[in-house]
Amino acid sequence: MFKKIKVLICGVAIVLAGYATAQATPGVWGITGGTDYNDGANDVLGWSFTPKQEMYITGLGVYAETDFTSGLRGFTQDHQVGLYNENRSLLASTTVTNADNLNGMFRFHNLDTAIALSAGATYYLAAAMGADQFIFDPTQFLVNSQVTFGKFAYSVSDSLVFPGTPDPGVLGYFGPNFEATAAVPEPSTLLLVGAGLGSVVLLRRRARSVESTLDKEILR
């Protein structure tokens, strides 16, 4: 009985471990150098990327500058951020606020539904930065291993639009970012986890019942 419980617990742990490996990772991180900058214009900043494999965008984010008084990272206003395909069609958009999760230099808002991206296609991120600053001219940055980084682009607008002007002459600037996984958990996997946990509870109850019966027999 106890061996069965241990085996089942191990099986559930393996399923949960597999689910944990699907946690989201940012599109770019490890940004060093650069400065918090704003040219005084209402810019929509963006950059393009190409997935190396099918992947799922689970959240969209915006660079959060450091407040020199509090030392906290945040915004002076909410920001629209969007994901476009190469045909300039908007695939997903959301609004990022100071209430959203801070991951490194960016705050991310989780999407209600993950967006599937195809390998080899080109996609664009864009964020309406408004009066807030962005990180400009970094010395280096790390890129998600699932994608190939493309180019920087921008548009002059006070609301979210496609970043239609390529900007190859700069070392870089970051406003928008994304979080992604290589896969999403299948419904069958989630059902397996639930069924496994339910079975563990049932087996534990049976084991306790057997132990109780044995104790009574011994007392007799």
Protein backbone atom coordinates (compact mmCIF):
# COMPACT_ATOMS: atom_id res chain seq x y z
CA MET A 1 0.00 0.00 0.00
CA PHE A 2 2.66 2.49 1.05
CA LYS A 3 4.79 1.65 -2.00
CA LYS A 4 1.83 2.48 -4.25
CA ILE A 5 1.39 5.82 -2.54
CA LYS A 6 5.08 6.67 -2.98
CA VAL A 7 5.04 5.73 -6.66
CA LEU A 8 1.93 7.78 -7.32
CA ILE A 9 3.30 10.77 -5.46
CA CYS A 10 6.47 10.58 -7.56
CA GLY A 11 4.36 10.42 -10.74
CA VAL A 12 2.39 13.51 -9.76
CA ALA A 13 5.61 15.30 -8.84
CA ILE A 14 7.00 14.56 -12.30
CA VAL A 15 3.88 16.00 -13.97
CA LEU A 16 4.05 19.11 -11.80
CA ALA A 17 7.76 19.47 -12.53
CA GLY A 18 7.00 19.31 -16.26
CA TYR A 19 4.39 22.03 -15.84
CA ALA A 20 6.83 24.19 -13.87
CA THR A 21 9.36 24.10 -16.72
CA ALA A 22 6.80 25.88 -18.90
CA GLN A 23 7.09 29.08 -16.85
CA ALA A 24 7.34 32.28 -18.88
CA THR A 25 10.66 33.99 -19.66
CA PRO A 26 11.17 37.55 -20.94
CA GLY A 27 12.00 38.41 -24.53
CA VAL A 28 15.01 40.48 -23.46
CA TRP A 29 16.72 40.86 -20.09
CA GLY A 30 20.15 41.40 -18.59
CA ILE A 31 20.28 44.90 -20.07
CA THR A 32 23.44 46.74 -19.03
CA GLY A 33 24.60 50.27 -19.68
CA GLY A 34 22.33 52.79 -21.32
CA THR A 35 20.39 55.65 -19.77
CA ASP A 36 16.81 56.48 -18.88
CA TYR A 37 15.85 58.82 -21.71
CA ASN A 38 12.93 60.72 -23.20
CA ASP A 39 13.21 63.05 -26.17
CA GLY A 40 10.07 64.95 -25.23
CA ALA A 41 8.00 63.44 -28.06
CA ASN A 42 5.09 61.03 -27.79
CA ASP A 43 6.85 58.02 -29.21
CA VAL A 44 5.70 54.47 -29.79
CA LEU A 45 8.83 52.37 -29.44
CA GLY A 46 9.19 48.86 -30.77
CA TRP A 47 11.39 46.03 -31.95
CA SER A 48 10.95 42.95 -34.09
CA PHE A 49 11.79 39.31 -33.52
CA THR A 50 11.44 35.91 -35.20
CA PRO A 51 10.60 32.74 -33.23
CA LYS A 52 12.92 29.78 -33.83
CA GLN A 53 10.09 27.42 -32.87
CA GLU A 54 6.41 27.61 -32.06
CA MET A 55 5.99 29.62 -28.87
CA TYR A 56 3.30 31.25 -26.79
CA ILE A 57 3.22 34.87 -25.64
CA THR A 58 1.74 34.89 -22.14
CA GLY A 59 2.32 38.52 -21.14
CA LEU A 60 3.27 41.95 -22.48
CA GLY A 61 5.41 44.45 -20.60
CA VAL A 62 6.91 47.92 -20.57
CA TYR A 63 10.21 49.26 -19.26
CA ALA A 64 9.77 50.74 -15.79
CA GLU A 65 12.19 53.52 -14.93
CA THR A 66 13.68 53.90 -11.47
CA ASP A 67 12.24 56.62 -9.28
CA PHE A 68 15.21 58.52 -7.84
CA THR A 69 13.34 59.35 -4.64
CA SER A 70 11.89 55.95 -3.73
CA GLY A 71 14.26 53.75 -5.72
CA LEU A 72 11.25 51.78 -7.00
CA ARG A 73 10.57 50.97 -10.65
CA GLY A 74 7.31 52.25 -12.10
CA PHE A 75 5.45 54.69 -14.33
CA THR A 76 3.92 58.12 -14.14
CA GLN A 77 1.09 56.86 -16.38
CA ASP A 78 -0.37 53.61 -17.68
CA HIS A 79 1.00 52.27 -20.97
CA GLN A 80 -0.58 50.56 -23.94
CA VAL A 81 1.52 47.74 -25.36
CA GLY A 82 0.77 45.52 -28.35
CA LEU A 83 1.96 42.59 -30.42
CA TYR A 84 1.73 42.82 -34.24
CA ASN A 85 2.47 40.46 -37.10
CA GLU A 86 4.52 41.54 -40.11
CA ASN A 87 1.32 42.52 -41.94
CA ARG A 88 0.73 45.12 -39.21
CA SER A 89 -2.25 43.28 -37.79
CA LEU A 90 -2.65 43.66 -34.04
CA LEU A 91 -2.61 40.21 -32.45
CA ALA A 92 -2.86 41.23 -28.81
CA SER A 93 -2.78 44.37 -26.70
CA THR A 94 -3.08 45.29 -23.06
CA THR A 95 -2.43 48.10 -20.61
CA VAL A 96 0.50 47.88 -18.20
CA THR A 97 0.28 49.66 -14.84
CA ASN A 98 2.26 49.96 -11.63
CA ALA A 99 0.10 47.17 -10.20
CA ASP A 100 1.56 44.65 -12.64
CA ASN A 101 4.36 42.21 -11.86
CA LEU A 102 7.92 43.57 -11.91
CA ASN A 103 10.41 41.23 -13.59
CA GLY A 104 13.84 42.79 -13.85
CA MET A 105 13.52 46.21 -15.48
CA PHE A 106 10.00 45.62 -16.85
CA ARG A 107 6.47 45.35 -15.54
CA PHE A 108 4.37 42.67 -17.25
CA HIS A 109 0.62 42.23 -17.58
CA ASN A 110 -0.54 38.65 -18.15
CA LEU A 111 -2.73 38.04 -21.19
CA ASP A 112 -6.08 36.33 -20.65
CA THR A 113 -5.25 33.94 -23.51
CA ALA A 114 -1.73 32.97 -24.63
CA ILE A 115 -0.95 33.97 -28.23
CA ALA A 116 0.61 31.25 -30.40
CA LEU A 117 3.43 32.41 -32.68
CA SER A 118 4.76 30.49 -35.66
CA ALA A 119 8.40 29.60 -36.21
CA GLY A 120 10.08 31.68 -38.90
CA ALA A 121 7.49 34.48 -38.95
CA THR A 122 8.33 38.06 -37.96
CA TYR A 123 6.52 39.86 -35.16
CA TYR A 124 6.69 43.37 -33.69
CA LEU A 125 6.28 44.68 -30.17
CA ALA A 126 5.19 48.26 -29.56
CA ALA A 127 4.59 50.43 -26.50
CA ALA A 128 3.21 53.95 -26.24
CA MET A 129 5.74 55.51 -23.87
CA GLY A 130 4.09 58.91 -23.39
CA ALA A 131 5.89 61.03 -20.83
CA ASP A 132 7.78 58.12 -19.28
CA GLN A 133 11.38 57.35 -20.01
CA PHE A 134 12.82 54.31 -21.73
CA ILE A 135 16.24 52.73 -21.63
CA PHE A 136 18.39 54.09 -24.45
CA ASP A 137 21.70 53.00 -25.95
CA PRO A 138 22.46 49.94 -23.77
CA THR A 139 25.90 48.40 -24.06
CA GLN A 140 24.45 44.90 -24.23
CA PHE A 141 21.34 42.83 -23.61
CA LEU A 142 20.39 39.15 -23.57
CA VAL A 143 17.76 37.71 -25.91
CA ASN A 144 15.32 34.87 -25.26
CA SER A 145 16.82 31.69 -26.71
CA GLN A 146 13.53 30.93 -28.48
CA VAL A 147 13.81 33.95 -30.80
CA THR A 148 16.13 35.80 -33.14
CA PHE A 149 16.23 39.52 -32.42
CA GLY A 150 15.31 41.73 -35.39
CA LYS A 151 15.52 45.52 -35.47
CA PHE A 152 14.40 48.58 -33.56
CA ALA A 153 11.54 50.69 -34.91
CA TYR A 154 9.31 53.56 -33.81
CA SER A 155 6.35 55.76 -34.68
CA VAL A 156 5.45 59.23 -33.41
CA SER A 157 2.06 58.87 -31.73
CA ASP A 158 0.44 59.40 -28.35
CA SER A 159 -1.47 56.10 -28.65
CA LEU A 160 -0.60 52.55 -29.66
CA VAL A 161 0.22 52.09 -33.36
CA PHE A 162 2.45 49.83 -35.41
CA PRO A 163 6.13 50.90 -35.07
CA GLY A 164 6.51 51.54 -38.78
CA THR A 165 9.83 53.41 -39.05
CA PRO A 166 12.94 51.19 -38.93
CA ASP A 167 15.73 52.66 -36.83
CA PRO A 168 18.96 50.75 -37.63
CA GLY A 169 21.25 53.66 -36.80
CA VAL A 170 21.02 53.35 -33.02
CA LEU A 171 22.47 50.80 -30.62
CA GLY A 172 19.05 50.30 -29.15
CA TYR A 173 16.18 51.38 -26.95
CA PHE A 174 13.69 49.37 -24.99
CA GLY A 175 10.12 50.24 -24.14
CA PRO A 176 8.10 47.05 -24.76
CA ASN A 177 8.91 43.47 -23.85
CA PHE A 178 7.14 40.11 -23.73
CA GLU A 179 7.01 36.97 -21.61
CA ALA A 180 6.71 33.62 -23.38
CA THR A 181 6.79 29.86 -22.99
CA ALA A 182 7.81 27.21 -25.49
CA ALA A 183 4.52 25.39 -24.85
CA VAL A 184 1.27 25.69 -22.95
CA PRO A 185 0.00 22.94 -20.62
CA GLU A 186 -2.45 20.59 -22.37
CA PRO A 187 -5.88 20.18 -20.73
CA SER A 188 -5.14 16.45 -20.43
CA THR A 189 -2.00 17.26 -18.43
CA LEU A 190 -3.96 19.40 -15.99
CA LEU A 191 -6.57 16.65 -15.67
CA LEU A 192 -3.80 14.15 -14.98
CA VAL A 193 -2.46 16.34 -12.20
CA GLY A 194 -5.92 16.64 -10.66
CA ALA A 195 -6.62 12.93 -10.96
CA GLY A 196 -3.23 12.05 -9.51
CA LEU A 197 -3.68 14.29 -6.51
CA GLY A 198 -7.17 12.89 -5.95
CA SER A 199 -5.83 9.35 -6.06
CA VAL A 200 -3.12 10.21 -3.53
CA VAL A 201 -5.75 11.50 -1.10
CA LEU A 202 -7.88 8.37 -1.61
CA LEU A 203 -4.94 6.00 -1.10
CA ARG A 204 -3.86 7.85 2.01
CA ARG A 205 -7.34 7.46 3.48
CA ARG A 206 -7.32 3.75 2.68
CA ALA A 207 -3.88 3.35 4.25
CA ARG A 208 -5.05 5.07 7.43
CA SER A 209 -8.11 2.80 7.51
CA VAL A 210 -5.90 -0.30 7.20
CA GLU A 211 -3.59 0.99 9.94
CA SER A 212 -6.57 1.63 12.21
CA THR A 213 -7.89 -1.89 11.61
CA LEU A 214 -4.48 -3.43 12.36
CA ASP A 215 -4.19 -1.42 15.57
CA LYS A 216 -7.57 -2.69 16.73
CA GLU A 217 -6.60 -6.28 15.97
CA ILE A 218 -3.39 -5.89 17.96
CA LEU A 219 -5.25 -4.48 20.94
CA ARG A 220 -7.54 -7.49 20.94
